[in-house]
Protein backbone atom coordinates (compact mmCIF):
# COMPACT_ATOMS: atom_id res chain seq x y z
CA MET A 1 10.52 -17.19 -7.88
CA ALA A 2 9.63 -14.03 -6.04
CA SER A 3 11.91 -12.85 -3.29
CA GLU A 4 11.81 -15.09 -0.24
CA ALA A 5 13.44 -12.50 2.01
CA SER A 6 10.69 -9.99 1.41
CA GLY A 7 7.98 -12.56 2.02
CA VAL A 8 6.57 -12.07 -1.46
CA SER A 9 5.28 -15.31 -2.93
CA GLY A 10 2.41 -16.89 -4.81
CA LEU A 11 0.44 -15.36 -7.64
CA ALA A 12 0.71 -11.76 -6.44
CA GLY A 13 4.42 -12.23 -5.79
CA ARG A 14 5.12 -13.47 -9.30
CA TYR A 15 3.29 -10.52 -10.86
CA ALA A 16 4.98 -8.08 -8.46
CA LYS A 17 8.42 -9.48 -9.28
CA ALA A 18 7.73 -9.32 -13.03
CA LEU A 19 6.58 -5.70 -12.77
CA PHE A 20 9.59 -4.86 -10.60
CA ASP A 21 12.00 -6.39 -13.12
CA LEU A 22 10.39 -4.48 -16.00
CA ALA A 23 10.36 -1.20 -14.07
CA ASP A 24 13.99 -1.72 -13.04
CA GLU A 25 15.00 -2.46 -16.62
CA ARG A 26 13.26 0.71 -17.83
CA LYS A 27 14.56 2.83 -14.92
CA ALA A 28 10.97 3.56 -13.84
CA LEU A 29 10.91 2.14 -10.30
CA ASP A 30 9.98 5.42 -8.61
CA GLN A 31 7.23 6.24 -11.13
CA VAL A 32 5.67 2.78 -10.92
CA ALA A 33 5.89 2.82 -7.11
CA ALA A 34 4.13 6.20 -7.05
CA ASP A 35 1.43 4.88 -9.42
CA LEU A 36 0.87 1.80 -7.27
CA ARG A 37 0.66 3.83 -4.06
CA GLN A 38 -1.87 6.11 -5.74
CA LEU A 39 -3.90 3.11 -6.95
CA ARG A 40 -3.90 1.62 -3.44
CA ALA A 41 -5.16 4.91 -2.01
CA MET A 42 -7.84 5.08 -4.71
CA MET A 43 -8.97 1.54 -3.89
CA GLN A 44 -9.16 2.39 -0.17
CA ASP A 45 -11.19 5.53 -0.90
CA SER A 46 -13.59 4.01 -3.43
CA ALA A 47 -15.81 1.04 -2.66
CA ASP A 48 -16.85 0.99 -6.32
CA LEU A 49 -13.27 0.61 -7.50
CA SER A 50 -12.67 -2.16 -4.96
CA ARG A 51 -15.81 -3.94 -6.17
CA LEU A 52 -14.65 -3.60 -9.77
CA MET A 53 -11.33 -5.20 -8.88
CA ARG A 54 -12.91 -8.15 -7.06
CA SER A 55 -16.02 -8.77 -9.17
CA PRO A 56 -16.17 -12.17 -10.87
CA VAL A 57 -19.39 -11.09 -12.59
CA LEU A 58 -17.86 -8.46 -14.86
CA SER A 59 -16.44 -9.70 -18.14
CA ARG A 60 -12.74 -9.58 -18.95
CA ALA A 61 -13.34 -6.82 -21.48
CA SER A 62 -15.43 -4.74 -19.05
CA GLN A 63 -12.81 -4.98 -16.31
CA ALA A 64 -10.02 -4.16 -18.76
CA LYS A 65 -11.87 -1.15 -20.13
CA ALA A 66 -12.74 0.13 -16.65
CA ILE A 67 -9.23 -0.26 -15.23
CA ALA A 68 -7.77 1.37 -18.35
CA ALA A 69 -10.06 4.37 -17.82
CA VAL A 70 -9.05 4.58 -14.15
CA ALA A 71 -5.35 4.37 -15.03
CA GLU A 72 -5.70 6.98 -17.78
CA GLY A 73 -7.65 9.33 -15.51
CA ALA A 74 -5.06 8.98 -12.75
CA GLY A 75 -2.22 9.74 -15.16
CA PHE A 76 -0.32 6.50 -14.57
CA SER A 77 2.82 5.74 -16.55
CA GLN A 78 2.52 3.63 -19.67
CA LEU A 79 4.21 0.68 -17.95
CA THR A 80 1.66 0.74 -15.11
CA LYS A 81 -1.23 1.04 -17.58
CA ASN A 82 0.07 -1.91 -19.59
CA PHE A 83 0.58 -3.96 -16.44
CA LEU A 84 -2.95 -3.30 -15.18
CA GLY A 85 -4.32 -4.11 -18.63
CA LEU A 86 -2.49 -7.45 -18.63
CA VAL A 87 -3.68 -8.23 -15.10
CA ALA A 88 -7.27 -7.44 -16.12
CA GLN A 89 -6.95 -9.54 -19.28
CA ASN A 90 -5.73 -12.47 -17.16
CA ARG A 91 -8.64 -11.99 -14.70
CA ARG A 92 -6.27 -11.28 -11.81
CA LEU A 93 -7.44 -7.82 -10.70
CA PHE A 94 -8.53 -9.32 -7.37
CA SER A 95 -4.81 -9.83 -6.56
CA VAL A 96 -3.73 -6.25 -7.26
CA PRO A 97 -3.51 -5.26 -3.55
CA GLY A 98 -1.08 -8.13 -2.97
CA MET A 99 0.83 -7.20 -6.11
CA ILE A 100 1.17 -3.62 -4.87
CA ASP A 101 2.40 -4.77 -1.46
CA GLY A 102 4.80 -7.21 -3.10
CA PHE A 103 6.24 -4.62 -5.47
CA LEU A 104 6.76 -2.10 -2.67
CA ALA A 105 8.33 -4.77 -0.42
CA ILE A 106 10.81 -5.77 -3.14
CA LEU A 107 11.62 -2.09 -3.76
CA ALA A 108 12.16 -1.43 -0.04
CA GLU A 109 14.40 -4.50 0.26
CA ARG A 110 16.45 -3.37 -2.75
CA ARG A 111 16.95 0.06 -1.18
CA GLY A 112 17.74 -1.31 2.27
CA GLU A 113 14.63 0.30 3.72
CA VAL A 114 12.19 -0.98 6.24
CA THR A 115 8.52 -0.11 5.70
CA ALA A 116 6.48 1.41 8.50
CA GLN A 117 2.71 1.47 8.30
CA VAL A 118 1.39 4.60 9.98
CA THR A 119 -2.33 4.95 10.51
CA ALA A 120 -3.46 8.45 11.46
CA ALA A 121 -6.82 9.95 12.32
CA GLN A 122 -6.37 12.61 9.64
CA GLU A 123 -4.02 13.43 6.79
CA LEU A 124 -0.53 14.29 8.05
CA THR A 125 1.06 17.59 7.09
CA PRO A 126 4.49 17.43 5.42
CA ALA A 127 6.09 18.64 8.68
CA GLN A 128 4.32 15.94 10.72
CA LEU A 129 5.29 13.29 8.19
CA GLU A 130 8.91 14.42 8.33
CA ALA A 131 8.87 14.31 12.16
CA VAL A 132 7.40 10.78 12.15
CA ASN A 133 9.97 9.70 9.56
CA GLU A 134 12.87 11.08 11.64
CA GLN A 135 11.66 9.43 14.86
CA LEU A 136 11.19 6.09 13.11
CA LYS A 137 14.64 6.34 11.54
CA LYS A 138 16.14 6.90 15.01
CA ALA A 139 14.14 4.04 16.53
CA VAL A 140 14.79 1.51 13.78
CA GLY A 141 18.36 2.54 12.99
CA ARG A 142 18.01 2.52 9.22
CA LYS A 143 16.14 4.17 6.38
CA VAL A 144 12.36 3.96 6.77
CA SER A 145 9.72 4.12 4.07
CA VAL A 146 6.51 5.42 5.63
CA ASP A 147 3.17 4.19 4.30
CA VAL A 148 0.48 6.50 5.70
CA ARG A 149 -3.17 5.51 5.89
CA VAL A 150 -6.03 7.58 7.26
CA ASP A 151 -8.64 6.12 9.62
CA PRO A 152 -10.94 8.78 11.12
CA SER A 153 -12.24 6.27 13.68
CA LEU A 154 -8.94 6.67 15.60
CA LEU A 155 -10.19 10.12 16.72
CA GLY A 156 -6.59 11.30 17.18
CA GLY A 157 -3.03 10.04 17.49
CA LEU A 158 -1.26 7.36 15.48
CA ILE A 159 -0.80 3.63 15.15
CA VAL A 160 2.68 2.74 13.94
CA LYS A 161 3.63 -0.76 12.77
CA VAL A 162 7.17 -1.69 11.78
CA GLY A 163 7.61 -5.36 11.02
CA SER A 164 6.05 -7.30 13.87
CA ARG A 165 6.21 -4.38 16.32
CA MET A 166 3.24 -2.07 16.80
CA VAL A 167 2.74 1.06 18.87
CA ASP A 168 -0.86 2.17 19.31
CA ALA A 169 -0.98 5.77 20.50
CA SER A 170 -4.46 6.48 19.17
CA LEU A 171 -7.08 8.33 21.16
CA ARG A 172 -9.55 5.52 20.47
CA SER A 173 -7.29 2.99 22.23
CA LYS A 174 -6.60 5.32 25.13
CA LEU A 175 -10.32 5.85 25.65
CA HIS A 176 -10.90 2.09 25.44
CA ARG A 177 -8.22 1.43 28.08
CA LEU A 178 -9.72 4.13 30.29
CA GLN A 179 -13.16 2.58 29.91
CA LEU A 180 -11.80 -0.83 30.90
CA ALA A 181 -10.00 0.67 33.92
CA MET A 182 -13.21 2.37 35.08
CA LYS A 183 -15.07 -0.94 34.85
CA GLY A 184 -12.39 -2.58 36.95
CA VAL A 185 -11.48 -5.14 34.31
């Protein structure tokens, strides 16, 4: 069964655990993790790719061919390509986001890391990312894996979520609070 401590369970958890075990056996954890992060970013950036992954209308062969082309174009490792091909063949592409989250959670647990989700209004520079990483490490008290997402609707600032704790320092939220204060709510 998938790891209970990491909260990974169900269909996505079983696939994530199987991929993790294979990647661990082949000493390819970092490469597969990088591939999966890249795939997640591609899915967030492309509505067409997200539709492809969720579509029950497309045939098994069509989905497999399309995901193979995406994986080849992105330069994924052979293990990641094979995994995505198997998932497509089993008609489970709709669960890939959960599989990615599960794999990364198991990897973080293995490394003794805690994962922080950082949502920023724009792409962070390497220096900004390093500063955020250092501050989170001080606040949490252990190694932090930062998962950065971009949401232009924040206007500025960051939203940081570590476990069940969240700090919203976005300009959008500050403006919303100001608007509520001016209304007297």
